[in-house]
Protein backbone atom coordinates (compact mmCIF):
# COMPACT_ATOMS: atom_id res chain seq x y z
CA MET A 1 10.03 40.94 -4.78
CA SER A 2 7.23 42.78 -6.54
CA SER A 3 4.07 40.95 -7.48
CA ALA A 4 2.82 40.47 -11.01
CA PRO A 5 0.02 42.77 -12.19
CA THR A 6 -3.39 41.49 -11.12
CA SER A 7 -5.67 40.65 -14.05
CA GLU A 8 -9.44 40.91 -14.07
CA PHE A 9 -9.58 37.12 -14.14
CA GLN A 10 -7.38 36.93 -11.07
CA ARG A 11 -9.41 39.59 -9.27
CA ALA A 12 -12.57 37.58 -9.91
CA ILE A 13 -10.95 34.43 -8.48
CA ALA A 14 -9.74 36.38 -5.43
CA GLU A 15 -13.22 37.78 -4.86
CA ARG A 16 -14.66 34.28 -4.92
CA VAL A 17 -12.10 33.27 -2.28
CA ARG A 18 -13.20 36.15 -0.05
CA GLU A 19 -16.83 35.17 -0.56
CA HIS A 20 -16.05 31.49 0.17
CA ASP A 21 -17.64 30.27 -3.05
CA PRO A 22 -18.72 26.69 -2.16
CA ARG A 23 -18.14 25.24 -5.63
CA ASP A 24 -14.57 26.52 -5.67
CA ARG A 25 -14.01 25.38 -2.12
CA ARG A 26 -15.05 21.79 -2.87
CA VAL A 27 -12.44 21.61 -5.63
CA TYR A 28 -9.74 23.39 -3.64
CA ASP A 29 -10.20 21.22 -0.54
CA ARG A 30 -10.22 18.02 -2.57
CA LEU A 31 -6.93 18.91 -4.21
CA THR A 32 -5.14 20.10 -1.07
CA ARG A 33 -6.19 16.87 0.65
CA LEU A 34 -4.67 14.97 -2.26
CA VAL A 35 -1.42 16.90 -1.91
CA SER A 36 -1.17 16.03 1.78
CA THR A 37 -2.15 12.40 1.20
CA LEU A 38 0.07 11.66 -1.79
CA LEU A 39 3.12 13.49 -0.41
CA GLU A 40 2.41 12.54 3.23
CA ALA A 41 2.88 16.22 4.04
CA PRO A 42 1.48 17.58 7.32
CA VAL A 43 0.29 20.82 5.67
CA SER A 44 -0.89 21.72 2.19
CA LEU A 45 -2.18 25.09 1.00
CA LEU A 46 -3.87 26.61 -2.00
CA LEU A 47 -3.28 30.36 -2.14
CA ILE A 48 -4.58 32.97 -4.57
CA ALA A 49 -2.48 36.08 -5.15
CA ASP A 50 -4.25 39.42 -4.86
CA ASP A 51 -1.91 42.38 -5.45
CA ASP A 52 0.61 42.17 -2.60
CA LYS A 53 -1.25 39.51 -0.59
CA LEU A 54 -1.86 35.77 -0.71
CA LEU A 55 -5.42 34.71 0.14
CA PHE A 56 -5.90 31.34 1.84
CA ALA A 57 -8.33 29.45 -0.41
CA SER A 58 -7.78 26.02 1.20
CA PHE A 59 -5.80 24.64 4.13
CA VAL A 60 -5.14 21.06 5.22
CA GLY A 61 -3.21 20.49 8.40
CA PRO A 62 -3.25 20.66 12.20
CA ASP A 63 -4.80 23.48 14.22
CA ASP A 64 -1.81 25.78 14.49
CA PRO A 65 -1.17 29.44 13.59
CA LEU A 66 -1.33 28.61 9.87
CA SER A 67 -4.90 27.31 10.18
CA THR A 68 -6.14 30.66 11.51
CA LEU A 69 -4.74 32.81 8.69
CA THR A 70 -6.91 34.21 5.91
CA GLU A 71 -4.19 36.11 4.06
CA PHE A 72 -0.42 36.60 4.14
CA PRO A 73 1.93 39.28 2.73
CA LEU A 74 3.45 38.04 -0.51
CA GLN A 75 6.81 39.63 0.26
CA ASP A 76 7.05 37.55 3.46
CA ALA A 77 6.12 34.22 1.83
CA TYR A 78 8.26 31.53 0.21
CA CYS A 79 5.63 31.55 -2.54
CA GLN A 80 7.01 34.80 -3.95
CA PHE A 81 9.92 32.88 -5.46
CA ALA A 82 7.69 30.36 -7.25
CA ILE A 83 5.46 33.16 -8.52
CA GLY A 84 8.42 35.24 -9.63
CA ALA A 85 10.07 32.36 -11.45
CA ARG A 86 6.79 30.92 -12.76
CA ALA A 87 8.23 27.53 -11.81
CA PRO A 88 8.27 25.09 -8.88
CA PHE A 89 10.22 26.27 -5.84
CA VAL A 90 11.67 23.50 -3.66
CA VAL A 91 13.23 23.99 -0.22
CA GLU A 92 14.77 21.19 1.82
CA ASP A 93 15.65 23.27 4.90
CA ALA A 94 14.66 26.94 4.98
CA ARG A 95 16.83 27.55 8.03
CA LYS A 96 19.92 27.05 5.86
CA ASN A 97 18.65 29.18 2.96
CA PRO A 98 19.84 32.83 3.17
CA ASP A 99 16.77 34.05 1.25
CA LEU A 100 14.35 32.29 3.60
CA CYS A 101 15.90 31.94 7.04
CA ASN A 102 14.71 35.36 8.24
CA LEU A 103 11.22 35.27 6.72
CA PRO A 104 8.20 34.90 9.05
CA PRO A 105 7.31 31.34 7.94
CA THR A 106 10.74 30.25 9.22
CA THR A 107 11.02 32.45 12.31
CA ALA A 108 7.39 32.57 13.48
CA LEU A 109 5.58 29.58 11.94
CA ASP A 110 8.39 26.97 12.27
CA VAL A 111 8.22 26.02 8.58
CA VAL A 112 11.32 24.07 7.55
CA SER A 113 10.70 22.50 4.13
CA TYR A 114 8.51 23.69 1.27
CA LEU A 115 7.39 22.62 -2.20
CA GLY A 116 5.38 25.22 -4.11
CA VAL A 117 4.04 25.15 -7.66
CA PRO A 118 2.56 28.30 -9.24
CA LEU A 119 -0.96 28.27 -10.62
CA LEU A 120 -0.39 29.38 -14.21
CA THR A 121 -3.07 30.53 -16.62
CA SER A 122 -3.07 29.26 -20.20
CA GLY A 123 -1.18 32.47 -21.00
CA GLY A 124 1.52 31.65 -18.47
CA ASP A 125 0.54 34.23 -15.84
CA PRO A 126 0.78 33.14 -12.17
CA ILE A 127 -2.34 33.71 -10.07
CA GLY A 128 -1.49 31.68 -6.98
CA ILE A 129 0.28 28.71 -5.46
CA LEU A 130 -0.40 25.09 -4.57
CA CYS A 131 2.15 24.00 -1.98
CA ALA A 132 3.16 21.41 0.60
CA ILE A 133 4.88 22.22 3.90
CA ASP A 134 6.76 20.18 6.46
CA PHE A 135 8.18 21.13 9.83
CA GLU A 136 11.22 18.89 9.43
CA PRO A 137 13.98 18.91 6.78
CA ARG A 138 12.81 17.01 3.73
CA ALA A 139 14.34 16.13 0.38
CA TRP A 140 11.37 16.45 -1.98
CA THR A 141 11.52 13.97 -4.87
CA ASP A 142 10.91 14.54 -8.56
CA ARG A 143 7.71 12.54 -8.11
CA ASP A 144 6.57 14.94 -5.38
CA VAL A 145 7.09 17.89 -7.71
CA THR A 146 5.26 16.15 -10.55
CA VAL A 147 2.28 15.32 -8.31
CA VAL A 148 1.85 18.95 -7.22
CA GLU A 149 2.34 20.19 -10.81
CA GLU A 150 -0.43 17.89 -12.03
CA LEU A 151 -2.79 18.97 -9.27
CA ALA A 152 -1.98 22.64 -9.87
CA ALA A 153 -2.84 22.13 -13.55
CA THR A 154 -6.14 20.57 -12.44
CA VAL A 155 -6.92 23.68 -10.40
CA MET A 156 -6.31 25.90 -13.39
CA SER A 157 -8.33 23.72 -15.75
CA TYR A 158 -11.25 24.07 -13.38
CA LEU A 159 -10.85 27.83 -12.87
CA GLU A 160 -10.48 28.65 -16.55
CA ALA A 161 -13.49 26.52 -17.44
CA ARG A 162 -15.75 28.30 -14.92
CA PRO A 163 -17.34 31.63 -15.80
CA THR A 164 -16.03 34.38 -13.55
CA ALA A 165 -18.87 36.85 -13.90
CA ALA A 166 -21.22 36.78 -10.95
CA LYS A 167 -24.93 37.05 -11.55
CA ALA A 168 -26.47 40.18 -10.09
CA SER A 169 -29.72 39.74 -8.23
CA THR A 170 -32.27 42.00 -6.68
CA GLY A 171 -34.45 39.28 -5.12
CA GLY A 172 -34.11 37.66 -1.74
CA LEU A 173 -33.68 38.85 1.84
CA ASN A 174 -31.08 41.28 3.09
CA ILE A 175 -28.91 40.33 6.04
CA ALA A 176 -31.05 42.24 8.55
CA ALA A 177 -34.14 40.29 7.51
CA VAL A 178 -32.29 36.97 7.85
CA ALA A 179 -31.04 37.99 11.30
CA GLN A 180 -34.57 38.86 12.38
CA ARG A 181 -36.04 35.57 11.11
CA THR A 182 -33.37 33.30 12.56
CA GLY A 183 -32.30 35.13 15.72
CA ILE A 184 -28.66 35.03 14.58
CA GLY A 185 -27.00 38.46 14.53
CA ALA A 186 -25.79 40.03 11.29
CA ASP A 187 -22.16 40.05 12.46
CA THR A 188 -22.35 36.33 13.22
CA LEU A 189 -23.92 35.63 9.83
CA ARG A 190 -21.07 37.45 8.10
CA LYS A 191 -18.54 35.45 10.11
CA TRP A 192 -20.22 32.14 9.23
CA GLU A 193 -20.23 33.17 5.59
CA ARG A 194 -16.59 34.25 5.48
CA ARG A 195 -15.01 31.59 7.66
CA TYR A 196 -17.09 28.50 6.98
CA GLY A 197 -18.67 29.17 3.58
CA VAL A 198 -22.06 27.92 4.74
CA LEU A 199 -24.01 30.78 3.12
CA VAL A 200 -23.89 31.71 -0.55
CA PRO A 201 -25.73 35.00 -1.06
CA ASN A 202 -26.43 36.58 -4.41
CA ARG A 203 -25.50 40.22 -4.95
CA THR A 204 -27.46 43.21 -6.13
CA ASN A 205 -26.01 45.49 -8.79
CA GLY A 206 -24.86 47.64 -5.89
CA GLY A 207 -23.04 44.74 -4.24
CA GLN A 208 -25.52 44.14 -1.39
CA ARG A 209 -26.03 40.59 -0.14
CA ARG A 210 -29.34 38.87 -0.89
CA TYR A 211 -30.18 35.53 0.75
CA ASP A 212 -32.71 32.98 -0.46
CA GLU A 213 -34.83 30.51 1.50
CA ARG A 214 -32.16 27.84 1.29
CA ASP A 215 -29.72 30.17 3.06
CA VAL A 216 -32.31 30.80 5.78
CA ALA A 217 -32.83 27.05 6.20
CA ARG A 218 -29.08 26.54 6.58
CA VAL A 219 -28.86 29.24 9.25
CA GLU A 220 -31.78 27.71 11.15
CA TRP A 221 -30.17 24.26 10.90
CA LEU A 222 -26.87 25.58 12.28
CA ARG A 223 -28.68 27.46 15.05
CA ASP A 224 -30.43 24.25 16.13
CA ARG A 225 -27.17 22.31 16.18
CA LEU A 226 -25.56 24.95 18.37
CA SER A 227 -28.46 24.65 20.83
CA GLU A 228 -27.70 20.90 20.99
CA GLY A 229 -24.13 21.57 22.06
CA PHE A 230 -22.26 21.44 18.74
CA ARG A 231 -19.50 23.95 18.06
CA ILE A 232 -20.03 26.04 14.95
CA SER A 233 -17.01 24.45 13.23
CA GLU A 234 -18.45 20.97 13.86
CA ALA A 235 -21.91 21.92 12.67
CA ALA A 236 -20.60 23.71 9.59
CA ALA A 237 -18.52 20.65 8.66
CA LEU A 238 -21.70 18.58 8.57
CA LEU A 239 -23.44 20.87 6.13
CA THR A 240 -23.06 19.74 2.55
CA ASP A 241 -22.57 22.20 -0.28
CA ASP A 242 -25.23 20.59 -2.41
CA ALA A 243 -28.45 22.34 -3.37
CA THR A 244 -30.64 20.38 -0.99
CA THR A 245 -32.04 21.99 2.14
CA PRO A 246 -30.29 20.71 5.28
CA THR A 247 -32.27 18.53 7.65
CA ALA A 248 -31.75 16.97 11.06
CA SER A 249 -34.87 14.81 11.33
CA THR A 250 -34.60 11.06 10.83
CA SER A 251 -37.25 11.12 8.09
CA GLY A 252 -35.55 14.02 6.30
CA LEU A 253 -32.15 12.33 6.40
CA ARG A 254 -33.68 9.03 5.27
CA ASP A 255 -35.32 10.65 2.25
CA ALA A 256 -32.18 12.63 1.42
CA ILE A 257 -30.08 9.46 1.54
CA VAL A 258 -32.49 7.64 -0.78
CA GLU A 259 -32.17 10.48 -3.30
CA ALA A 260 -28.39 10.76 -2.91
CA VAL A 261 -27.94 7.08 -3.78
CA LYS A 262 -28.92 7.97 -7.36
CA ASP A 263 -25.80 10.12 -7.75
CA PRO A 264 -22.78 8.09 -8.94
CA ASP A 265 -20.57 10.57 -7.06
CA ALA A 266 -20.84 9.16 -3.52
CA ARG A 267 -19.52 12.22 -1.69
CA HIS A 268 -22.95 13.67 -0.95
CA LEU A 269 -24.24 10.28 0.20
CA THR A 270 -21.20 9.84 2.45
CA SER A 271 -21.74 13.30 3.92
CA LEU A 272 -25.39 12.57 4.69
CA VAL A 273 -24.55 9.26 6.37
CA GLU A 274 -21.88 11.00 8.44
CA GLN A 275 -24.40 13.66 9.40
CA ALA A 276 -26.91 11.01 10.45
CA PHE A 277 -24.42 9.25 12.72
CA THR A 278 -23.30 12.55 14.22
CA LEU A 279 -26.79 13.81 15.03
CA HIS A 280 -28.32 10.51 16.15
CA ASP A 281 -27.25 7.42 18.08
CA VAL A 282 -26.32 4.22 16.25
CA GLU A 283 -29.59 2.43 17.01
CA THR A 284 -31.68 5.33 15.70
CA VAL A 285 -29.58 5.67 12.56
CA VAL A 286 -29.79 1.96 11.77
CA GLU A 287 -33.47 1.44 12.57
CA GLU A 288 -35.01 4.76 11.53
CA ILE A 289 -32.71 6.00 8.76
CA VAL A 290 -30.48 3.36 7.17
CA ALA A 291 -32.78 0.30 7.28
CA PRO A 292 -35.80 2.19 5.84
CA ALA A 293 -33.54 3.77 3.22
CA LEU A 294 -32.21 0.37 2.19
CA ARG A 295 -35.75 -0.99 1.95
CA ALA A 296 -36.80 1.98 -0.19
CA VAL A 297 -33.82 1.52 -2.51
CA GLY A 298 -34.50 -2.22 -2.68
CA ASP A 299 -38.15 -1.61 -3.54
CA ARG A 300 -37.09 0.82 -6.24
CA TRP A 301 -34.76 -1.80 -7.68
CA ARG A 302 -37.47 -4.48 -7.74
CA GLU A 303 -39.79 -2.04 -9.50
CA GLY A 304 -37.15 -1.44 -12.15
CA ASP A 305 -36.39 2.16 -11.17
CA ALA A 306 -32.91 1.52 -9.76
CA GLY A 307 -29.94 -0.79 -10.08
CA ILE A 308 -28.81 -3.25 -7.43
CA GLY A 309 -25.59 -1.27 -7.34
CA GLU A 310 -27.37 1.57 -5.54
CA GLU A 311 -28.24 -0.72 -2.64
CA HIS A 312 -24.67 -2.00 -2.52
CA LEU A 313 -23.35 1.57 -2.57
CA LEU A 314 -25.45 2.60 0.43
CA THR A 315 -24.53 -0.59 2.28
CA GLU A 316 -20.84 0.02 1.67
CA VAL A 317 -20.96 3.65 2.83
CA VAL A 318 -22.76 2.67 6.05
CA ARG A 319 -20.46 -0.31 6.58
CA SER A 320 -17.42 1.93 6.22
CA HIS A 321 -18.75 4.36 8.82
CA LEU A 322 -19.60 1.60 11.29
CA ARG A 323 -16.11 0.14 10.94
CA GLY A 324 -14.75 3.61 11.68
CA LEU A 325 -16.77 3.69 14.89
CA LEU A 326 -15.32 0.32 15.91
CA ALA A 327 -11.81 1.67 15.40
CA ASP A 328 -12.39 4.06 18.32
CA ARG A 329 -11.30 1.63 21.03
CA ARG A 330 -12.09 2.48 24.64
CA HIS A 331 -11.59 0.68 27.94
CA PRO A 332 -14.36 -1.95 28.29
CA VAL A 333 -16.49 -1.30 31.36
CA ARG A 334 -19.23 -3.85 30.65
CA GLY A 335 -17.24 -6.78 29.31
CA THR A 336 -16.16 -8.30 26.00
CA ALA A 337 -18.44 -9.46 23.19
CA VAL A 338 -17.32 -11.42 20.13
CA LEU A 339 -19.48 -11.03 17.01
CA ALA A 340 -19.38 -13.08 13.81
CA CYS A 341 -21.57 -14.10 10.90
CA ALA A 342 -22.35 -17.79 10.49
CA PRO A 343 -20.43 -19.84 7.91
CA GLY A 344 -21.77 -18.91 4.49
CA GLU A 345 -23.45 -15.74 5.82
CA ARG A 346 -22.45 -12.64 3.81
CA HIS A 347 -25.05 -10.17 5.14
CA GLU A 348 -23.17 -8.47 7.94
CA LEU A 349 -24.57 -4.94 8.22
CA GLY A 350 -26.95 -5.68 11.09
CA LEU A 351 -24.29 -7.48 13.11
CA LEU A 352 -21.77 -4.72 12.40
CA ALA A 353 -24.31 -2.18 13.69
CA LEU A 354 -24.75 -4.27 16.84
CA ALA A 355 -20.97 -4.27 17.35
CA ALA A 356 -20.86 -0.47 17.08
CA LEU A 357 -23.79 -0.12 19.48
CA LEU A 358 -22.21 -2.49 21.99
CA GLN A 359 -18.98 -0.55 21.88
CA ALA A 360 -20.84 2.72 22.42
CA ASP A 361 -22.51 1.09 25.42
CA GLY A 362 -19.16 0.31 27.04
CA TRP A 363 -18.32 -3.13 25.69
CA LEU A 364 -15.17 -4.26 23.93
CA ALA A 365 -16.72 -5.42 20.64
CA VAL A 366 -14.52 -7.89 18.78
CA TYR A 367 -16.01 -8.06 15.30
CA LEU A 368 -14.87 -11.03 13.17
CA GLY A 369 -16.89 -10.27 10.02
CA ALA A 370 -18.75 -12.43 7.50
CA ASP A 371 -18.58 -16.19 6.89
CA VAL A 372 -16.72 -17.30 10.05
CA PRO A 373 -16.72 -20.93 11.29
CA VAL A 374 -18.63 -21.15 14.56
CA VAL A 375 -15.83 -23.22 16.10
CA SER A 376 -13.36 -20.40 15.40
CA SER A 377 -15.71 -17.76 16.78
CA ALA A 378 -16.27 -19.79 19.93
CA ALA A 379 -12.54 -20.39 20.36
CA ILE A 380 -11.77 -16.68 20.14
CA ALA A 381 -14.58 -15.85 22.56
CA ASN A 382 -13.25 -18.47 24.96
CA ARG A 383 -9.67 -17.24 24.67
CA MET A 384 -10.69 -13.62 25.32
CA GLY A 385 -12.92 -14.48 28.26
CA ALA A 386 -15.87 -12.91 26.45
CA GLY A 387 -19.18 -12.55 28.24
CA ALA A 388 -21.14 -12.83 25.01
CA LEU A 389 -20.87 -14.52 21.64
CA CYS A 390 -23.15 -12.94 19.01
CA LEU A 391 -23.82 -14.85 15.79
CA SER A 392 -25.89 -13.85 12.76
CA ALA A 393 -27.84 -16.04 10.30
CA SER A 394 -30.25 -14.83 7.64
CA THR A 395 -31.76 -18.12 6.44
CA PRO A 396 -33.34 -21.09 8.26
CA GLU A 397 -30.67 -23.40 6.81
CA LEU A 398 -27.83 -21.29 8.19
CA LEU A 399 -29.63 -20.97 11.53
CA ALA A 400 -29.99 -24.76 11.76
CA ASP A 401 -26.28 -25.17 11.01
CA VAL A 402 -25.39 -22.65 13.72
CA GLN A 403 -27.54 -24.45 16.28
CA GLY A 404 -25.94 -27.75 15.34
CA TRP A 405 -22.43 -26.33 15.68
CA LEU A 406 -23.27 -24.73 19.01
CA ASN A 407 -24.44 -28.08 20.38
CA ASP A 408 -20.98 -29.47 19.68
CA ALA A 409 -19.01 -26.39 20.74
CA SER A 410 -17.22 -26.14 24.04
CA LEU A 411 -18.29 -22.90 25.68
CA PRO A 412 -17.44 -21.83 29.22
CA ASP A 413 -20.11 -21.41 31.85
CA GLY A 414 -21.40 -17.87 32.00
CA MET A 415 -20.85 -17.04 28.32
CA ARG A 416 -24.10 -15.97 26.76
CA VAL A 417 -24.74 -16.87 23.12
CA VAL A 418 -27.06 -14.62 21.13
CA VAL A 419 -28.12 -15.69 17.64
CA GLY A 420 -29.68 -12.93 15.52
CA GLY A 421 -30.30 -12.11 11.92
CA ALA A 422 -33.31 -12.44 9.65
CA ALA A 423 -33.77 -16.13 10.48
CA ALA A 424 -33.73 -15.72 14.27
CA ALA A 425 -37.10 -16.06 15.99
CA SER A 426 -37.12 -12.80 17.88
CA ASP A 427 -39.23 -9.71 17.68
CA GLN A 428 -36.96 -7.76 20.02
CA ARG A 429 -35.56 -4.48 18.83
CA LEU A 430 -31.81 -4.05 18.65
CA GLY A 431 -31.62 -1.93 21.78
CA GLN A 432 -33.51 -4.53 23.82
CA ILE A 433 -31.18 -7.30 22.67
CA VAL A 434 -28.15 -5.23 23.66
CA ALA A 435 -29.66 -4.38 27.05
CA GLY A 436 -30.11 -8.08 27.66
CA LEU A 437 -26.38 -8.61 27.31
CA ARG A 438 -25.49 -6.38 30.23
CA PRO A 439 -23.92 -8.24 33.16
CA ALA A 440 -26.07 -8.62 36.25
């Protein structure tokens, strides 16, 4: 099937795909993730047509042959039928379809079912495809089709609202100068740019790349992560697409987090918190990044420069990440610890951080959460044969209640009880408290 004529608009979109435009990529990746999530599809793709090829603009799915492709012949793709018909193309089992059973997606990539919706301009011209793929037979529902149609329309609304003309520039460094400054070869820089979209050079009128200081900072940041043992894909995933210069230091991340809290869109904040936990251990993140950031945001609120919601937003993002760390269960080599906040205690972030740190240190951390009766916490610790029961209280009143309940609780010999929180009389740092829990 022949492809539709390529318009100037479509050529501009295709060129941005080749250049890995970060603004486009954020939108594309968000929408393909939504396709996979809402349809529970193992693979989703956003493809831009360029003459007789389909360019891979976004991919969500497992690491298989599809994830390594950058383009695909249109005549070999199921997408040709959606583009040709300018309408959704739905396939329950490609192996039973005479038009599809001998195409490479079926014979080489093991694709079985497919739902593709063309990306149509306001004039009705197709410029690409948003699609979902499964490797088992699947009867796609009308709702599935509607979901992908709505998301495809969102893609087009974004693309048609964005100017397509690139700004020419004569300033900045050429690729040889960047290679010399950073020690990263020009071929590697081009690969990082094409594959991971971590560099966004301007172009001269003659089409030559020109990099600014932010690009240099990003290259240096990636280089340093590689020297620490990260793979380039892991390091690139940590880099945000925002205009800030990347940083790995605790002070730099702390300051960046404080600034990111101001943005009602929490994606940048979430990315920075994830970066902090990836580059540093839990204790360092909590004590040198998160706690100072929370204090700074709190001070800003008391001075009238911020809302209390900003502090809650940061707390929730950190809490979510810590809970994710606890979900990574491993065999306990040091013992079991049960952790709970005292009855009436709602401030749980410190205790949650302790649970994550204990688990990283080889404990089975059983975290019960906020506002838990001490009798219940003790009973669970007793039933699980825990070596430690960790309780948190932030006020003298709550601490007194905990001590009273503990006097009446029945705890087995050998179980150590640690009471922490703002009201506890201890000047020990978190790491020292954890070290004290280790069995003799």
